Amino acid sequence: MNHSTGQTPRTRLRRIVTALVLGLSVFLAPALVLAVDDPSEMLPDTKQEARAEAIGSQLRCLVCQNESIEDSSAGLARDLRRVVREHVAKGETDHQIMDWMVARYGNFIRLSPPLSVGTILLWSMPVLALLLGLGLAFFSYRRRAATPVAPPPLSEEEKARLAKLAKE
């Protein structure tokens, strides 16, 4: 206990930690505010806004790549949300909006791309490569085991040398 201030070391440590947390929160608060969407980008009609959010939740942020454009605070995601809301406000269907996005950015824009031959091949290639490697290793091993390797016959010079060594 510090007699001059009347504080224990534990109390002093608590005050220092509290001061650090409050000081850091002053610096972190602006960063958290930047992640909040601008209310002006929302549509005035709640049904249209709900549709736009549903469509946006199916579209991938091209910057973050594992977030939807509705969850991302990236500038490109903000632009894509604005585009989706413009199309919704024009009265286009969900299918038309999704087709427009896919035509512009490819199937990568979709968080859940449709099942196609390409996606089936993409997901099955590692398994196919493993099976192919195991098959090649198996048949290579069987071929080596099935064909014994016999040494070539001795030449006349080697036979003479062998006979000479055997006599010694």
N, C-alpha and C. Protein backbone atom coordinates (compact mmCIF):
# COMPACT_ATOMS: atom_id res chain seq x y z
N MET A 1 0.84 -1.17 0.00
CA MET A 1 0.00 0.00 0.00
C MET A 1 0.88 1.23 0.00
N ASN A 2 0.55 2.16 -0.87
CA ASN A 2 1.27 3.42 -0.94
C ASN A 2 0.63 4.37 0.07
N HIS A 3 1.40 4.73 1.10
CA HIS A 3 0.84 5.55 2.18
C HIS A 3 0.56 6.99 1.73
N SER A 4 1.30 7.48 0.75
CA SER A 4 1.10 8.88 0.33
C SER A 4 -0.22 9.05 -0.42
N THR A 5 -0.64 8.04 -1.23
CA THR A 5 -1.89 8.15 -1.98
C THR A 5 -3.00 7.29 -1.40
N GLY A 6 -2.65 6.32 -0.58
CA GLY A 6 -3.65 5.45 0.01
C GLY A 6 -4.17 4.40 -0.97
N GLN A 7 -3.38 4.06 -2.03
CA GLN A 7 -3.81 3.09 -3.04
C GLN A 7 -2.95 1.83 -2.95
N THR A 8 -3.61 0.71 -3.20
CA THR A 8 -2.85 -0.53 -3.32
C THR A 8 -2.36 -0.63 -4.76
N PRO A 9 -1.34 -1.45 -5.00
CA PRO A 9 -0.87 -1.62 -6.39
C PRO A 9 -1.97 -2.13 -7.32
N ARG A 10 -2.86 -2.96 -6.80
CA ARG A 10 -3.95 -3.49 -7.62
C ARG A 10 -4.90 -2.37 -8.04
N THR A 11 -5.24 -1.47 -7.14
CA THR A 11 -6.12 -0.34 -7.46
C THR A 11 -5.47 0.56 -8.49
N ARG A 12 -4.18 0.81 -8.33
CA ARG A 12 -3.45 1.65 -9.27
C ARG A 12 -3.46 1.01 -10.66
N LEU A 13 -3.25 -0.33 -10.72
CA LEU A 13 -3.26 -1.04 -12.00
C LEU A 13 -4.63 -0.95 -12.66
N ARG A 14 -5.70 -1.09 -11.87
CA ARG A 14 -7.06 -0.97 -12.41
C ARG A 14 -7.29 0.40 -13.04
N ARG A 15 -6.83 1.41 -12.37
CA ARG A 15 -7.01 2.77 -12.90
C ARG A 15 -6.22 2.98 -14.19
N ILE A 16 -5.04 2.42 -14.26
CA ILE A 16 -4.23 2.54 -15.48
C ILE A 16 -4.91 1.81 -16.63
N VAL A 17 -5.39 0.59 -16.38
CA VAL A 17 -6.07 -0.18 -17.43
C VAL A 17 -7.33 0.54 -17.89
N THR A 18 -8.09 1.07 -16.96
CA THR A 18 -9.31 1.81 -17.30
C THR A 18 -8.98 3.02 -18.16
N ALA A 19 -7.92 3.73 -17.81
CA ALA A 19 -7.52 4.90 -18.59
C ALA A 19 -7.09 4.50 -19.99
N LEU A 20 -6.37 3.38 -20.11
CA LEU A 20 -5.95 2.90 -21.44
C LEU A 20 -7.15 2.50 -22.29
N VAL A 21 -8.11 1.80 -21.70
CA VAL A 21 -9.30 1.38 -22.45
C VAL A 21 -10.08 2.59 -22.92
N LEU A 22 -10.26 3.56 -22.04
CA LEU A 22 -10.99 4.78 -22.45
C LEU A 22 -10.23 5.55 -23.52
N GLY A 23 -8.91 5.61 -23.37
CA GLY A 23 -8.10 6.31 -24.38
C GLY A 23 -8.17 5.63 -25.72
N LEU A 24 -8.10 4.29 -25.74
CA LEU A 24 -8.19 3.56 -27.01
C LEU A 24 -9.58 3.68 -27.63
N SER A 25 -10.62 3.73 -26.80
CA SER A 25 -11.97 3.83 -27.35
C SER A 25 -12.16 5.15 -28.08
N VAL A 26 -11.44 6.19 -27.67
CA VAL A 26 -11.53 7.47 -28.37
C VAL A 26 -10.99 7.32 -29.79
N PHE A 27 -9.95 6.49 -29.95
CA PHE A 27 -9.37 6.28 -31.28
C PHE A 27 -10.15 5.26 -32.09
N LEU A 28 -10.78 4.28 -31.43
CA LEU A 28 -11.52 3.24 -32.15
C LEU A 28 -12.93 3.67 -32.53
N ALA A 29 -13.51 4.59 -31.83
CA ALA A 29 -14.89 5.01 -32.11
C ALA A 29 -15.07 5.52 -33.53
N PRO A 30 -14.17 6.36 -34.07
CA PRO A 30 -14.36 6.79 -35.46
C PRO A 30 -14.30 5.64 -36.46
N ALA A 31 -13.47 4.64 -36.18
CA ALA A 31 -13.40 3.48 -37.08
C ALA A 31 -14.70 2.71 -37.06
N LEU A 32 -15.33 2.60 -35.90
CA LEU A 32 -16.61 1.89 -35.82
C LEU A 32 -17.71 2.67 -36.52
N VAL A 33 -17.66 3.97 -36.47
CA VAL A 33 -18.67 4.79 -37.12
C VAL A 33 -18.58 4.67 -38.63
N LEU A 34 -17.37 4.46 -39.16
CA LEU A 34 -17.21 4.33 -40.61
C LEU A 34 -17.91 3.07 -41.14
N ALA A 35 -18.07 2.05 -40.30
CA ALA A 35 -18.72 0.82 -40.75
C ALA A 35 -20.23 0.96 -40.84
N VAL A 36 -20.81 2.00 -40.26
CA VAL A 36 -22.25 2.20 -40.30
C VAL A 36 -22.64 2.74 -41.67
N ASP A 37 -23.70 2.17 -42.25
CA ASP A 37 -24.15 2.60 -43.57
C ASP A 37 -24.80 3.97 -43.50
N ASP A 38 -24.75 4.64 -44.62
CA ASP A 38 -25.37 5.95 -44.73
C ASP A 38 -26.87 5.75 -44.89
N PRO A 39 -27.69 6.32 -44.01
CA PRO A 39 -29.14 6.15 -44.11
C PRO A 39 -29.71 6.70 -45.42
N SER A 40 -28.99 7.62 -46.06
CA SER A 40 -29.50 8.20 -47.30
C SER A 40 -29.48 7.20 -48.45
N GLU A 41 -28.71 6.11 -48.33
CA GLU A 41 -28.69 5.13 -49.41
C GLU A 41 -29.86 4.17 -49.33
N MET A 42 -30.62 4.21 -48.25
CA MET A 42 -31.78 3.33 -48.10
C MET A 42 -32.96 3.86 -48.91
N LEU A 43 -33.77 2.95 -49.39
CA LEU A 43 -34.96 3.32 -50.15
C LEU A 43 -36.08 3.76 -49.20
N PRO A 44 -36.90 4.73 -49.61
CA PRO A 44 -37.97 5.20 -48.72
C PRO A 44 -39.06 4.15 -48.52
N ASP A 45 -39.31 3.32 -49.51
CA ASP A 45 -40.32 2.28 -49.40
C ASP A 45 -39.71 1.08 -48.65
N THR A 46 -40.30 0.67 -47.54
CA THR A 46 -39.73 -0.40 -46.72
C THR A 46 -39.74 -1.75 -47.44
N LYS A 47 -40.76 -1.99 -48.28
CA LYS A 47 -40.81 -3.26 -49.02
C LYS A 47 -39.68 -3.32 -50.05
N GLN A 48 -39.46 -2.21 -50.75
CA GLN A 48 -38.36 -2.16 -51.72
C GLN A 48 -37.01 -2.28 -51.01
N GLU A 49 -36.88 -1.65 -49.86
CA GLU A 49 -35.63 -1.72 -49.10
C GLU A 49 -35.37 -3.15 -48.64
N ALA A 50 -36.41 -3.84 -48.20
CA ALA A 50 -36.27 -5.23 -47.78
C ALA A 50 -35.84 -6.11 -48.96
N ARG A 51 -36.43 -5.86 -50.15
CA ARG A 51 -36.03 -6.60 -51.35
C ARG A 51 -34.58 -6.33 -51.70
N ALA A 52 -34.18 -5.06 -51.64
CA ALA A 52 -32.80 -4.68 -51.97
C ALA A 52 -31.82 -5.34 -51.00
N GLU A 53 -32.18 -5.39 -49.71
CA GLU A 53 -31.32 -6.03 -48.73
C GLU A 53 -31.23 -7.53 -48.98
N ALA A 54 -32.34 -8.15 -49.36
CA ALA A 54 -32.34 -9.59 -49.65
C ALA A 54 -31.46 -9.89 -50.86
N ILE A 55 -31.54 -9.06 -51.88
CA ILE A 55 -30.70 -9.26 -53.06
C ILE A 55 -29.24 -9.01 -52.70
N GLY A 56 -28.98 -7.94 -51.97
CA GLY A 56 -27.61 -7.61 -51.57
C GLY A 56 -26.97 -8.66 -50.70
N SER A 57 -27.76 -9.36 -49.91
CA SER A 57 -27.20 -10.40 -49.05
C SER A 57 -26.78 -11.63 -49.86
N GLN A 58 -27.20 -11.72 -51.13
CA GLN A 58 -26.81 -12.83 -52.00
C GLN A 58 -25.60 -12.48 -52.86
N LEU A 59 -25.18 -11.21 -52.83
CA LEU A 59 -24.08 -10.76 -53.67
C LEU A 59 -22.80 -10.61 -52.85
N ARG A 60 -21.70 -11.07 -53.43
CA ARG A 60 -20.40 -11.05 -52.76
C ARG A 60 -19.74 -9.68 -52.91
N CYS A 61 -19.14 -9.20 -51.83
CA CYS A 61 -18.32 -7.99 -51.92
C CYS A 61 -17.04 -8.39 -52.65
N LEU A 62 -16.73 -7.72 -53.71
CA LEU A 62 -15.57 -8.07 -54.52
C LEU A 62 -14.26 -7.67 -53.85
N VAL A 63 -14.33 -6.85 -52.81
CA VAL A 63 -13.14 -6.47 -52.05
C VAL A 63 -12.92 -7.45 -50.91
N CYS A 64 -13.96 -7.67 -50.11
CA CYS A 64 -13.85 -8.53 -48.92
C CYS A 64 -13.93 -10.01 -49.30
N GLN A 65 -14.69 -10.36 -50.28
CA GLN A 65 -14.87 -11.68 -50.89
C GLN A 65 -15.59 -12.71 -50.02
N ASN A 66 -15.62 -12.56 -48.72
CA ASN A 66 -16.37 -13.51 -47.91
C ASN A 66 -17.51 -12.84 -47.18
N GLU A 67 -17.86 -11.64 -47.61
CA GLU A 67 -18.98 -10.91 -47.03
C GLU A 67 -19.93 -10.52 -48.14
N SER A 68 -21.18 -10.37 -47.78
CA SER A 68 -22.13 -9.85 -48.75
C SER A 68 -21.94 -8.35 -48.86
N ILE A 69 -22.48 -7.76 -49.91
CA ILE A 69 -22.36 -6.31 -50.05
C ILE A 69 -23.15 -5.59 -48.97
N GLU A 70 -24.13 -6.25 -48.38
CA GLU A 70 -24.90 -5.64 -47.30
C GLU A 70 -24.10 -5.59 -46.00
N ASP A 71 -23.18 -6.53 -45.81
CA ASP A 71 -22.39 -6.59 -44.58
C ASP A 71 -21.08 -5.83 -44.67
N SER A 72 -20.65 -5.52 -45.88
CA SER A 72 -19.34 -4.90 -46.08
C SER A 72 -19.44 -3.38 -46.01
N SER A 73 -18.35 -2.77 -45.54
CA SER A 73 -18.29 -1.31 -45.51
C SER A 73 -17.32 -0.78 -46.57
N ALA A 74 -16.88 -1.64 -47.49
CA ALA A 74 -15.97 -1.22 -48.55
C ALA A 74 -16.68 -0.27 -49.51
N GLY A 75 -15.93 0.60 -50.12
CA GLY A 75 -16.50 1.57 -51.06
C GLY A 75 -17.19 0.91 -52.24
N LEU A 76 -16.58 -0.15 -52.77
CA LEU A 76 -17.19 -0.86 -53.90
C LEU A 76 -18.51 -1.50 -53.48
N ALA A 77 -18.57 -2.04 -52.28
CA ALA A 77 -19.82 -2.64 -51.79
C ALA A 77 -20.89 -1.57 -51.66
N ARG A 78 -20.50 -0.39 -51.21
CA ARG A 78 -21.46 0.72 -51.09
C ARG A 78 -22.01 1.08 -52.48
N ASP A 79 -21.13 1.11 -53.48
CA ASP A 79 -21.56 1.40 -54.85
C ASP A 79 -22.50 0.32 -55.38
N LEU A 80 -22.18 -0.94 -55.09
CA LEU A 80 -23.04 -2.03 -55.55
C LEU A 80 -24.39 -2.00 -54.86
N ARG A 81 -24.43 -1.64 -53.58
CA ARG A 81 -25.72 -1.50 -52.88
C ARG A 81 -26.55 -0.41 -53.55
N ARG A 82 -25.90 0.69 -53.92
CA ARG A 82 -26.61 1.79 -54.59
C ARG A 82 -27.18 1.32 -55.92
N VAL A 83 -26.39 0.54 -56.69
CA VAL A 83 -26.85 0.03 -57.98
C VAL A 83 -28.04 -0.90 -57.80
N VAL A 84 -27.97 -1.78 -56.81
CA VAL A 84 -29.08 -2.70 -56.54
C VAL A 84 -30.34 -1.91 -56.21
N ARG A 85 -30.20 -0.89 -55.39
CA ARG A 85 -31.36 -0.09 -54.99
C ARG A 85 -31.93 0.70 -56.18
N GLU A 86 -31.06 1.14 -57.08
CA GLU A 86 -31.55 1.82 -58.29
C GLU A 86 -32.38 0.87 -59.14
N HIS A 87 -31.91 -0.36 -59.30
CA HIS A 87 -32.64 -1.35 -60.10
C HIS A 87 -33.97 -1.72 -59.43
N VAL A 88 -33.95 -1.85 -58.10
CA VAL A 88 -35.19 -2.15 -57.38
C VAL A 88 -36.18 -1.01 -57.55
N ALA A 89 -35.69 0.23 -57.44
CA ALA A 89 -36.56 1.40 -57.57
C ALA A 89 -37.15 1.50 -58.98
N LYS A 90 -36.43 0.99 -59.99
CA LYS A 90 -36.94 1.00 -61.37
C LYS A 90 -38.04 -0.03 -61.56
N GLY A 91 -38.16 -0.96 -60.61
CA GLY A 91 -39.21 -1.97 -60.71
C GLY A 91 -38.75 -3.27 -61.34
N GLU A 92 -37.44 -3.47 -61.47
CA GLU A 92 -36.94 -4.72 -62.04
C GLU A 92 -37.15 -5.86 -61.04
N THR A 93 -37.26 -7.07 -61.58
CA THR A 93 -37.44 -8.24 -60.72
C THR A 93 -36.09 -8.64 -60.11
N ASP A 94 -36.16 -9.48 -59.09
CA ASP A 94 -34.93 -9.97 -58.45
C ASP A 94 -34.07 -10.72 -59.48
N HIS A 95 -34.72 -11.51 -60.32
CA HIS A 95 -34.01 -12.28 -61.33
C HIS A 95 -33.29 -11.35 -62.33
N GLN A 96 -33.96 -10.29 -62.75
CA GLN A 96 -33.34 -9.34 -63.69
C GLN A 96 -32.13 -8.66 -63.06
N ILE A 97 -32.25 -8.28 -61.80
CA ILE A 97 -31.14 -7.62 -61.12
C ILE A 97 -29.96 -8.58 -60.97
N MET A 98 -30.24 -9.81 -60.58
CA MET A 98 -29.18 -10.80 -60.41
C MET A 98 -28.52 -11.10 -61.75
N ASP A 99 -29.32 -11.21 -62.83
CA ASP A 99 -28.76 -11.44 -64.16
C ASP A 99 -27.86 -10.28 -64.59
N TRP A 100 -28.27 -9.04 -64.27
CA TRP A 100 -27.47 -7.87 -64.62
C TRP A 100 -26.12 -7.92 -63.90
N MET A 101 -26.15 -8.26 -62.61
CA MET A 101 -24.92 -8.35 -61.83
C MET A 101 -24.01 -9.46 -62.34
N VAL A 102 -24.58 -10.62 -62.66
CA VAL A 102 -23.79 -11.74 -63.15
C VAL A 102 -23.21 -11.41 -64.53
N ALA A 103 -23.98 -10.75 -65.38
CA ALA A 103 -23.48 -10.36 -66.70
C ALA A 103 -22.31 -9.39 -66.57
N ARG A 104 -22.36 -8.54 -65.58
CA ARG A 104 -21.31 -7.53 -65.40
C ARG A 104 -20.08 -8.08 -64.68
N TYR A 105 -20.28 -8.91 -63.63
CA TYR A 105 -19.17 -9.35 -62.79
C TYR A 105 -18.91 -10.85 -62.83
N GLY A 106 -19.73 -11.62 -63.52
CA GLY A 106 -19.55 -13.07 -63.57
C GLY A 106 -20.20 -13.74 -62.38
N ASN A 107 -20.20 -15.06 -62.37
CA ASN A 107 -20.83 -15.82 -61.29
C ASN A 107 -20.11 -15.64 -59.96
N PHE A 108 -18.89 -15.10 -59.99
CA PHE A 108 -18.15 -14.87 -58.74
C PHE A 108 -18.88 -13.89 -57.83
N ILE A 109 -19.70 -13.02 -58.40
CA ILE A 109 -20.43 -12.02 -57.61
C ILE A 109 -21.46 -12.68 -56.69
N ARG A 110 -21.88 -13.88 -57.03
CA ARG A 110 -22.87 -14.58 -56.21
C ARG A 110 -22.18 -15.30 -55.06
N LEU A 111 -22.71 -15.14 -53.86
CA LEU A 111 -22.15 -15.86 -52.71
C LEU A 111 -22.39 -17.36 -52.84
N SER A 112 -23.50 -17.76 -53.47
CA SER A 112 -23.80 -19.18 -53.72
C SER A 112 -24.00 -19.36 -55.21
N PRO A 113 -22.91 -19.62 -55.96
CA PRO A 113 -23.07 -19.78 -57.40
C PRO A 113 -23.92 -21.00 -57.73
N PRO A 114 -24.61 -20.97 -58.88
CA PRO A 114 -25.46 -22.11 -59.25
C PRO A 114 -24.61 -23.34 -59.56
N LEU A 115 -25.20 -24.50 -59.34
CA LEU A 115 -24.52 -25.76 -59.63
C LEU A 115 -24.44 -25.94 -61.14
N SER A 116 -23.23 -26.09 -61.64
CA SER A 116 -23.02 -26.30 -63.07
C SER A 116 -21.88 -27.29 -63.25
N VAL A 117 -21.62 -27.64 -64.50
CA VAL A 117 -20.52 -28.56 -64.79
C VAL A 117 -19.20 -27.97 -64.29
N GLY A 118 -19.03 -26.67 -64.47
CA GLY A 118 -17.79 -26.01 -64.03
C GLY A 118 -17.59 -26.09 -62.53
N THR A 119 -18.65 -25.84 -61.75
CA THR A 119 -18.50 -25.90 -60.30
C THR A 119 -18.32 -27.33 -59.82
N ILE A 120 -18.98 -28.28 -60.48
CA ILE A 120 -18.79 -29.69 -60.11
C ILE A 120 -17.35 -30.10 -60.36
N LEU A 121 -16.80 -29.72 -61.52
CA LEU A 121 -15.39 -30.03 -61.81
C LEU A 121 -14.45 -29.34 -60.83
N LEU A 122 -14.75 -28.10 -60.51
CA LEU A 122 -13.91 -27.35 -59.58
C LEU A 122 -13.83 -28.04 -58.22
N TRP A 123 -14.97 -28.48 -57.70
CA TRP A 123 -14.98 -29.10 -56.39
C TRP A 123 -14.51 -30.55 -56.41
N SER A 124 -14.60 -31.23 -57.55
CA SER A 124 -14.20 -32.63 -57.60
C SER A 124 -12.75 -32.83 -58.05
N MET A 125 -12.09 -31.82 -58.57
CA MET A 125 -10.72 -31.97 -59.06
C MET A 125 -9.73 -32.48 -58.00
N PRO A 126 -9.74 -31.99 -56.78
CA PRO A 126 -8.78 -32.54 -55.81
C PRO A 126 -8.97 -34.04 -55.58
N VAL A 127 -10.21 -34.48 -55.50
CA VAL A 127 -10.48 -35.90 -55.28
C VAL A 127 -10.06 -36.70 -56.51
N LEU A 128 -10.37 -36.19 -57.70
CA LEU A 128 -9.98 -36.89 -58.93
C LEU A 128 -8.45 -36.95 -59.07
N ALA A 129 -7.75 -35.89 -58.72
CA ALA A 129 -6.29 -35.88 -58.79
C ALA A 129 -5.70 -36.89 -57.81
N LEU A 130 -6.26 -36.97 -56.61
CA LEU A 130 -5.79 -37.94 -55.61
C LEU A 130 -6.02 -39.37 -56.10
N LEU A 131 -7.21 -39.64 -56.64
CA LEU A 131 -7.50 -40.99 -57.15
C LEU A 131 -6.60 -41.35 -58.32
N LEU A 132 -6.35 -40.40 -59.20
CA LEU A 132 -5.46 -40.65 -60.34
C LEU A 132 -4.05 -40.95 -59.86
N GLY A 133 -3.54 -40.19 -58.90
CA GLY A 133 -2.20 -40.42 -58.35
C GLY A 133 -2.09 -41.78 -57.68
N LEU A 134 -3.11 -42.14 -56.87
CA LEU A 134 -3.10 -43.45 -56.23
C LEU A 134 -3.16 -44.58 -57.25
N GLY A 135 -3.98 -44.40 -58.29
CA GLY A 135 -4.07 -45.42 -59.34
C GLY A 135 -2.75 -45.60 -60.08
N LEU A 136 -2.10 -44.50 -60.42
CA LEU A 136 -0.81 -44.59 -61.11
C LEU A 136 0.24 -45.25 -60.22
N ALA A 137 0.27 -44.91 -58.95
CA ALA A 137 1.22 -45.52 -58.02
C ALA A 137 0.94 -47.02 -57.88
N PHE A 138 -0.32 -47.40 -57.78
CA PHE A 138 -0.69 -48.81 -57.64
C PHE A 138 -0.26 -49.61 -58.86
N PHE A 139 -0.60 -49.14 -60.07
CA PHE A 139 -0.25 -49.88 -61.28
C PHE A 139 1.25 -49.87 -61.54
N SER A 140 1.94 -48.83 -61.18
CA SER A 140 3.39 -48.79 -61.32
C SER A 140 4.04 -49.81 -60.38
N TYR A 141 3.53 -49.91 -59.16
CA TYR A 141 4.06 -50.87 -58.19
C TYR A 141 3.79 -52.30 -58.66
N ARG A 142 2.58 -52.56 -59.17
CA ARG A 142 2.23 -53.91 -59.64
C ARG A 142 3.09 -54.31 -60.82
N ARG A 143 3.36 -53.36 -61.71
CA ARG A 143 4.17 -53.67 -62.90
C ARG A 143 5.59 -54.05 -62.48
N ARG A 144 6.15 -53.31 -61.52
CA ARG A 144 7.51 -53.61 -61.06
C ARG A 144 7.55 -54.96 -60.36
N ALA A 145 6.55 -55.26 -59.55
CA ALA A 145 6.52 -56.52 -58.81
C ALA A 145 6.28 -57.70 -59.73
N ALA A 146 5.55 -57.51 -60.82
CA ALA A 146 5.21 -58.61 -61.72
C ALA A 146 6.35 -58.97 -62.66
N THR A 147 7.19 -58.04 -63.01
CA THR A 147 8.28 -58.33 -63.96
C THR A 147 9.61 -58.33 -63.23
N PRO A 148 10.15 -59.54 -62.96
CA PRO A 148 11.46 -59.59 -62.32
C PRO A 148 12.52 -59.11 -63.30
N VAL A 149 13.47 -58.42 -62.77
CA VAL A 149 14.53 -57.88 -63.61
C VAL A 149 15.70 -58.83 -63.55
N ALA A 150 15.99 -59.48 -64.69
CA ALA A 150 17.12 -60.41 -64.77
C ALA A 150 18.34 -59.66 -65.29
N PRO A 151 19.49 -59.97 -64.74
CA PRO A 151 20.68 -59.29 -65.24
C PRO A 151 21.01 -59.78 -66.65
N PRO A 152 21.66 -58.95 -67.43
CA PRO A 152 22.02 -59.38 -68.79
C PRO A 152 23.09 -60.49 -68.71
N PRO A 153 23.16 -61.33 -69.74
CA PRO A 153 24.16 -62.42 -69.72
C PRO A 153 25.59 -61.85 -69.75
N LEU A 154 26.51 -62.62 -69.19
CA LEU A 154 27.91 -62.18 -69.14
C LEU A 154 28.56 -62.25 -70.52
N SER A 155 29.39 -61.26 -70.77
CA SER A 155 30.15 -61.29 -72.04
C SER A 155 31.31 -62.26 -71.89
N GLU A 156 31.95 -62.58 -72.99
CA GLU A 156 33.08 -63.53 -72.98
C GLU A 156 34.22 -62.99 -72.10
N GLU A 157 34.45 -61.72 -72.16
CA GLU A 157 35.51 -61.10 -71.35
C GLU A 157 35.20 -61.23 -69.87
N GLU A 158 33.91 -61.03 -69.48
CA GLU A 158 33.51 -61.14 -68.09
C GLU A 158 33.59 -62.59 -67.61
N LYS A 159 33.24 -63.53 -68.48
CA LYS A 159 33.33 -64.95 -68.12
C LYS A 159 34.78 -65.34 -67.85
N ALA A 160 35.70 -64.85 -68.69
CA ALA A 160 37.12 -65.17 -68.52
C ALA A 160 37.63 -64.56 -67.21
N ARG A 161 37.26 -63.37 -66.92
CA ARG A 161 37.70 -62.71 -65.69
C ARG A 161 37.14 -63.43 -64.47
N LEU A 162 35.89 -63.89 -64.55
CA LEU A 162 35.26 -64.62 -63.46
C LEU A 162 35.98 -65.96 -63.23
N ALA A 163 36.33 -66.63 -64.30
CA ALA A 163 37.02 -67.91 -64.19
C ALA A 163 38.39 -67.70 -63.55
N LYS A 164 39.07 -66.62 -63.91
CA LYS A 164 40.38 -66.29 -63.35
C LYS A 164 40.27 -66.02 -61.86
N LEU A 165 39.22 -65.29 -61.45
CA LEU A 165 39.02 -64.98 -60.04
C LEU A 165 38.66 -66.22 -59.23
N ALA A 166 37.93 -67.14 -59.85
CA ALA A 166 37.52 -68.35 -59.17
C ALA A 166 38.71 -69.25 -58.91
N LYS A 167 39.74 -69.24 -59.76
CA LYS A 167 40.94 -70.08 -59.60
C LYS A 167 41.81 -69.55 -58.47
N GLU A 168 41.76 -68.29 -58.23
CA GLU A 168 42.62 -67.71 -57.19
C GLU A 168 42.17 -67.98 -55.83
